Amino acid sequence: MSVNQRIVDDFKKNDISFVTTVPCKQLAGVIDAIEEDESIYHIPANKEDEGMGLCAGAWMGGKRPAIIMQNTAIGVTINTLVTLTQYYRMPLPMLISYRGELGEPVACQVEMAVHTKALLAQLNIPTYHFHKEADAEELDAILKHTFMCNKPVAILTDASFWNGY
């Protein structure tokens, strides 16, 4: 089974029925797998903070949401993470491509990689870093945990997880 399908299966196993995404080359396979799955309502978003707003609406409407995004937008999501998801104790799994590490071909991506983990730590958001496909075996437990404690969680997936850039 592909890692993309494993992610979708773990989402479904944890009753995630609403996913919003922001385009990313690394995440394209999992986004395509979500789009093809009729049991998950998928809405593409223009920006990550807009996607979090969509997830909040889905949560308040009785759905379990998730967002798929790049780490380069963590900065624009801070207000939404604090004043919406954390204040209202909304669980939000965030599957995040961790751009800017070794092998990154785009120089501007590196700057946000330097700050991503520190920003998430400052917000007290649990963060897991997937380096290899076998790390995806933890996803089910991570999802169960985030919905049990009603907190957002960041799952960083780097280039080695997705087999390169």
C-alpha atoms as a PDB file:
ATOM      1  CA  MET A   1       0.000   0.000   0.000  1.00  0.00           C
ATOM      2  CA  SER A   2       1.284   3.480  -0.819  1.00  0.00           C
ATOM      3  CA  VAL A   3       1.958   5.954   1.971  1.00  0.00           C
ATOM      4  CA  ASN A   4      -0.666   8.235   0.409  1.00  0.00           C
ATOM      5  CA  GLN A   5      -3.326   5.547   0.731  1.00  0.00           C
ATOM      6  CA  ARG A   6      -2.181   4.693   4.260  1.00  0.00           C
ATOM      7  CA  ILE A   7      -2.705   8.332   5.295  1.00  0.00           C
ATOM      8  CA  VAL A   8      -6.191   8.367   3.772  1.00  0.00           C
ATOM      9  CA  ASP A   9      -7.037   5.041   5.431  1.00  0.00           C
ATOM     10  CA  ASP A  10      -5.882   6.344   8.829  1.00  0.00           C
ATOM     11  CA  PHE A  11      -7.954   9.491   8.317  1.00  0.00           C
ATOM     12  CA  LYS A  12     -11.014   7.339   7.598  1.00  0.00           C
ATOM     13  CA  LYS A  13     -10.263   4.988  10.518  1.00  0.00           C
ATOM     14  CA  ASN A  14     -10.392   8.071  12.768  1.00  0.00           C
ATOM     15  CA  ASP A  15     -13.641   9.369  11.242  1.00  0.00           C
ATOM     16  CA  ILE A  16     -12.016  12.333   9.508  1.00  0.00           C
ATOM     17  CA  SER A  17     -14.635  13.200   6.934  1.00  0.00           C
ATOM     18  CA  PHE A  18     -13.605  16.758   6.017  1.00  0.00           C
ATOM     19  CA  VAL A  19     -10.187  17.741   4.654  1.00  0.00           C
ATOM     20  CA  THR A  20      -9.031  21.043   3.285  1.00  0.00           C
ATOM     21  CA  THR A  21      -5.788  21.362   1.372  1.00  0.00           C
ATOM     22  CA  VAL A  22      -3.441  23.982   0.007  1.00  0.00           C
ATOM     23  CA  PRO A  23      -1.469  22.873  -3.065  1.00  0.00           C
ATOM     24  CA  CYS A  24       2.013  21.435  -2.574  1.00  0.00           C
ATOM     25  CA  LYS A  25       4.109  19.319  -4.908  1.00  0.00           C
ATOM     26  CA  GLN A  26       5.209  16.985  -2.082  1.00  0.00           C
ATOM     27  CA  LEU A  27       1.636  16.454  -0.887  1.00  0.00           C
ATOM     28  CA  ALA A  28       0.101  16.030  -4.350  1.00  0.00           C
ATOM     29  CA  GLY A  29      -0.234  12.231  -4.051  1.00  0.00           C
ATOM     30  CA  VAL A  30      -2.122  12.309  -0.767  1.00  0.00           C
ATOM     31  CA  ILE A  31      -4.256  15.232  -1.966  1.00  0.00           C
ATOM     32  CA  ASP A  32      -5.175  13.224  -5.083  1.00  0.00           C
ATOM     33  CA  ALA A  33      -6.017  10.177  -2.930  1.00  0.00           C
ATOM     34  CA  ILE A  34      -8.291  12.303  -0.737  1.00  0.00           C
ATOM     35  CA  GLU A  35      -9.956  13.855  -3.753  1.00  0.00           C
ATOM     36  CA  GLU A  36     -10.716  10.380  -5.136  1.00  0.00           C
ATOM     37  CA  ASP A  37     -12.198   9.075  -1.860  1.00  0.00           C
ATOM     38  CA  GLU A  38     -15.946   9.699  -1.785  1.00  0.00           C
ATOM     39  CA  SER A  39     -16.173   9.288   2.011  1.00  0.00           C
ATOM     40  CA  ILE A  40     -14.032  12.395   2.621  1.00  0.00           C
ATOM     41  CA  TYR A  41     -15.375  15.825   1.751  1.00  0.00           C
ATOM     42  CA  HIS A  42     -12.453  17.755   0.242  1.00  0.00           C
ATOM     43  CA  ILE A  43     -12.337  21.517  -0.184  1.00  0.00           C
ATOM     44  CA  PRO A  44      -9.178  23.105  -1.566  1.00  0.00           C
ATOM     45  CA  ALA A  45      -8.294  26.394   0.152  1.00  0.00           C
ATOM     46  CA  ASN A  46      -6.453  29.444  -1.167  1.00  0.00           C
ATOM     47  CA  LYS A  47      -4.567  30.011   2.086  1.00  0.00           C
ATOM     48  CA  GLU A  48      -3.827  27.916   5.164  1.00  0.00           C
ATOM     49  CA  ASP A  49      -5.607  30.212   7.617  1.00  0.00           C
ATOM     50  CA  GLU A  50      -8.716  30.105   5.415  1.00  0.00           C
ATOM     51  CA  GLY A  51      -8.464  26.314   5.457  1.00  0.00           C
ATOM     52  CA  MET A  52      -8.348  26.341   9.248  1.00  0.00           C
ATOM     53  CA  GLY A  53     -11.518  28.446   9.244  1.00  0.00           C
ATOM     54  CA  LEU A  54     -13.174  25.869   6.999  1.00  0.00           C
ATOM     55  CA  CYS A  55     -12.040  23.123   9.390  1.00  0.00           C
ATOM     56  CA  ALA A  56     -13.524  25.048  12.333  1.00  0.00           C
ATOM     57  CA  GLY A  57     -16.854  25.259  10.553  1.00  0.00           C
ATOM     58  CA  ALA A  58     -16.745  21.548   9.793  1.00  0.00           C
ATOM     59  CA  TRP A  59     -15.889  20.764  13.448  1.00  0.00           C
ATOM     60  CA  MET A  60     -18.742  22.936  14.713  1.00  0.00           C
ATOM     61  CA  GLY A  61     -21.003  21.171  12.212  1.00  0.00           C
ATOM     62  CA  GLY A  62     -20.146  17.763  13.661  1.00  0.00           C
ATOM     63  CA  LYS A  63     -17.366  16.642  11.298  1.00  0.00           C
ATOM     64  CA  ARG A  64     -13.825  15.629  12.163  1.00  0.00           C
ATOM     65  CA  PRO A  65     -11.521  17.822  10.051  1.00  0.00           C
ATOM     66  CA  ALA A  66      -7.885  17.837   8.953  1.00  0.00           C
ATOM     67  CA  ILE A  67      -5.762  20.267   6.962  1.00  0.00           C
ATOM     68  CA  ILE A  68      -2.947  19.459   4.558  1.00  0.00           C
ATOM     69  CA  MET A  69      -0.479  22.305   4.002  1.00  0.00           C
ATOM     70  CA  GLN A  70       3.152  23.479   3.738  1.00  0.00           C
ATOM     71  CA  ASN A  71       5.239  24.656   6.676  1.00  0.00           C
ATOM     72  CA  THR A  72       6.020  27.868   4.820  1.00  0.00           C
ATOM     73  CA  ALA A  73       2.590  29.186   5.849  1.00  0.00           C
ATOM     74  CA  ILE A  74       2.907  28.502   9.594  1.00  0.00           C
ATOM     75  CA  GLY A  75       3.522  32.208  10.132  1.00  0.00           C
ATOM     76  CA  VAL A  76       0.192  33.271   8.616  1.00  0.00           C
ATOM     77  CA  THR A  77      -1.711  30.677  10.656  1.00  0.00           C
ATOM     78  CA  ILE A  78      -0.530  31.682  14.143  1.00  0.00           C
ATOM     79  CA  ASN A  79      -3.495  33.940  14.939  1.00  0.00           C
ATOM     80  CA  THR A  80      -5.965  31.325  13.702  1.00  0.00           C
ATOM     81  CA  LEU A  81      -4.250  28.536  15.633  1.00  0.00           C
ATOM     82  CA  VAL A  82      -4.315  30.490  18.889  1.00  0.00           C
ATOM     83  CA  THR A  83      -7.610  32.393  18.754  1.00  0.00           C
ATOM     84  CA  LEU A  84      -9.687  29.732  17.029  1.00  0.00           C
ATOM     85  CA  THR A  85      -8.399  26.181  17.308  1.00  0.00           C
ATOM     86  CA  GLN A  86      -6.703  26.422  20.696  1.00  0.00           C
ATOM     87  CA  TYR A  87      -9.137  28.831  22.346  1.00  0.00           C
ATOM     88  CA  TYR A  88     -12.116  26.669  21.377  1.00  0.00           C
ATOM     89  CA  ARG A  89     -10.252  23.395  22.052  1.00  0.00           C
ATOM     90  CA  MET A  90     -10.660  22.223  18.490  1.00  0.00           C
ATOM     91  CA  PRO A  91      -8.714  19.145  17.464  1.00  0.00           C
ATOM     92  CA  LEU A  92      -6.983  19.775  14.166  1.00  0.00           C
ATOM     93  CA  PRO A  93      -4.563  17.310  12.603  1.00  0.00           C
ATOM     94  CA  MET A  94      -2.220  19.271  10.338  1.00  0.00           C
ATOM     95  CA  LEU A  95      -0.332  17.157   7.797  1.00  0.00           C
ATOM     96  CA  ILE A  96       2.470  19.516   6.815  1.00  0.00           C
ATOM     97  CA  SER A  97       5.140  19.222   4.158  1.00  0.00           C
ATOM     98  CA  TYR A  98       8.339  20.341   5.863  1.00  0.00           C
ATOM     99  CA  ARG A  99      10.066  22.297   3.130  1.00  0.00           C
ATOM    100  CA  GLY A 100      13.524  23.827   3.444  1.00  0.00           C
ATOM    101  CA  GLU A 101      15.653  20.985   4.776  1.00  0.00           C
ATOM    102  CA  LEU A 102      18.649  19.282   3.174  1.00  0.00           C
ATOM    103  CA  GLY A 103      18.251  18.995  -0.573  1.00  0.00           C
ATOM    104  CA  GLU A 104      15.692  21.813  -0.823  1.00  0.00           C
ATOM    105  CA  PRO A 105      15.994  23.361  -4.288  1.00  0.00           C
ATOM    106  CA  VAL A 106      14.158  26.616  -3.426  1.00  0.00           C
ATOM    107  CA  ALA A 107      16.217  28.977  -1.254  1.00  0.00           C
ATOM    108  CA  CYS A 108      13.294  30.948   0.204  1.00  0.00           C
ATOM    109  CA  GLN A 109      11.844  27.728   1.690  1.00  0.00           C
ATOM    110  CA  VAL A 110      14.884  27.354   3.970  1.00  0.00           C
ATOM    111  CA  GLU A 111      14.087  30.387   6.136  1.00  0.00           C
ATOM    112  CA  MET A 112      10.726  29.049   7.303  1.00  0.00           C
ATOM    113  CA  ALA A 113      12.201  25.617   7.999  1.00  0.00           C
ATOM    114  CA  VAL A 114      14.547  27.290  10.468  1.00  0.00           C
ATOM    115  CA  HIS A 115      11.543  28.644  12.415  1.00  0.00           C
ATOM    116  CA  THR A 116       8.807  26.028  11.971  1.00  0.00           C
ATOM    117  CA  LYS A 117       9.483  23.780  14.961  1.00  0.00           C
ATOM    118  CA  ALA A 118      10.207  26.723  17.285  1.00  0.00           C
ATOM    119  CA  LEU A 119       6.930  28.424  16.342  1.00  0.00           C
ATOM    120  CA  LEU A 120       4.941  25.226  16.906  1.00  0.00           C
ATOM    121  CA  ALA A 121       6.719  24.689  20.240  1.00  0.00           C
ATOM    122  CA  GLN A 122       5.963  28.278  21.292  1.00  0.00           C
ATOM    123  CA  LEU A 123       2.280  27.575  20.571  1.00  0.00           C
ATOM    124  CA  ASN A 124       2.458  24.321  22.592  1.00  0.00           C
ATOM    125  CA  ILE A 125       1.356  22.308  19.570  1.00  0.00           C
ATOM    126  CA  PRO A 126       2.564  18.701  19.677  1.00  0.00           C
ATOM    127  CA  THR A 127       4.783  18.079  16.676  1.00  0.00           C
ATOM    128  CA  TYR A 128       5.811  14.809  15.060  1.00  0.00           C
ATOM    129  CA  HIS A 129       8.410  14.631  12.297  1.00  0.00           C
ATOM    130  CA  PHE A 130       8.116  11.871   9.699  1.00  0.00           C
ATOM    131  CA  HIS A 131      11.416  11.146   7.913  1.00  0.00           C
ATOM    132  CA  LYS A 132      10.666   7.745   6.373  1.00  0.00           C
ATOM    133  CA  GLU A 133       7.537   5.937   5.214  1.00  0.00           C
ATOM    134  CA  ALA A 134       7.618   3.611   8.239  1.00  0.00           C
ATOM    135  CA  ASP A 135       7.010   6.675  10.441  1.00  0.00           C
ATOM    136  CA  ALA A 136       3.464   6.779   9.028  1.00  0.00           C
ATOM    137  CA  GLU A 137       2.706   3.788  11.269  1.00  0.00           C
ATOM    138  CA  GLU A 138       2.373   6.361  14.092  1.00  0.00           C
ATOM    139  CA  LEU A 139      -0.336   8.373  12.323  1.00  0.00           C
ATOM    140  CA  ASP A 140      -3.294   6.386  13.678  1.00  0.00           C
ATOM    141  CA  ALA A 141      -2.159   6.898  17.300  1.00  0.00           C
ATOM    142  CA  ILE A 142      -1.434  10.597  16.667  1.00  0.00           C
ATOM    143  CA  LEU A 143      -4.920  11.119  15.240  1.00  0.00           C
ATOM    144  CA  LYS A 144      -6.559   9.285  18.138  1.00  0.00           C
ATOM    145  CA  HIS A 145      -4.578  11.439  20.571  1.00  0.00           C
ATOM    146  CA  THR A 146      -5.497  14.777  18.968  1.00  0.00           C
ATOM    147  CA  PHE A 147      -9.223  13.974  18.985  1.00  0.00           C
ATOM    148  CA  MET A 148      -9.053  12.626  22.542  1.00  0.00           C
ATOM    149  CA  CYS A 149      -7.417  15.768  23.958  1.00  0.00           C
ATOM    150  CA  ASN A 150      -9.066  18.316  21.613  1.00  0.00           C
ATOM    151  CA  LYS A 151      -5.826  19.959  20.510  1.00  0.00           C
ATOM    152  CA  PRO A 152      -4.202  20.723  17.184  1.00  0.00           C
ATOM    153  CA  VAL A 153      -1.248  18.557  16.205  1.00  0.00           C
ATOM    154  CA  ALA A 154       1.433  19.032  13.539  1.00  0.00           C
ATOM    155  CA  ILE A 155       2.741  16.105  11.514  1.00  0.00           C
ATOM    156  CA  LEU A 156       5.788  17.336   9.606  1.00  0.00           C
ATOM    157  CA  THR A 157       6.685  15.279   6.545  1.00  0.00           C
ATOM    158  CA  ASP A 158      10.043  16.066   4.993  1.00  0.00           C
ATOM    159  CA  ALA A 159      11.421  15.375   1.519  1.00  0.00           C
ATOM    160  CA  SER A 160      12.903  12.025   2.548  1.00  0.00           C
ATOM    161  CA  PHE A 161       9.422  10.906   3.664  1.00  0.00           C
ATOM    162  CA  TRP A 162       8.048  11.731   0.225  1.00  0.00           C
ATOM    163  CA  ASN A 163      11.133  10.292  -1.524  1.00  0.00           C
ATOM    164  CA  GLY A 164      12.671  13.571  -2.592  1.00  0.00           C
ATOM    165  CA  TYR A 165      11.692  16.914  -4.051  1.00  0.00           C
END
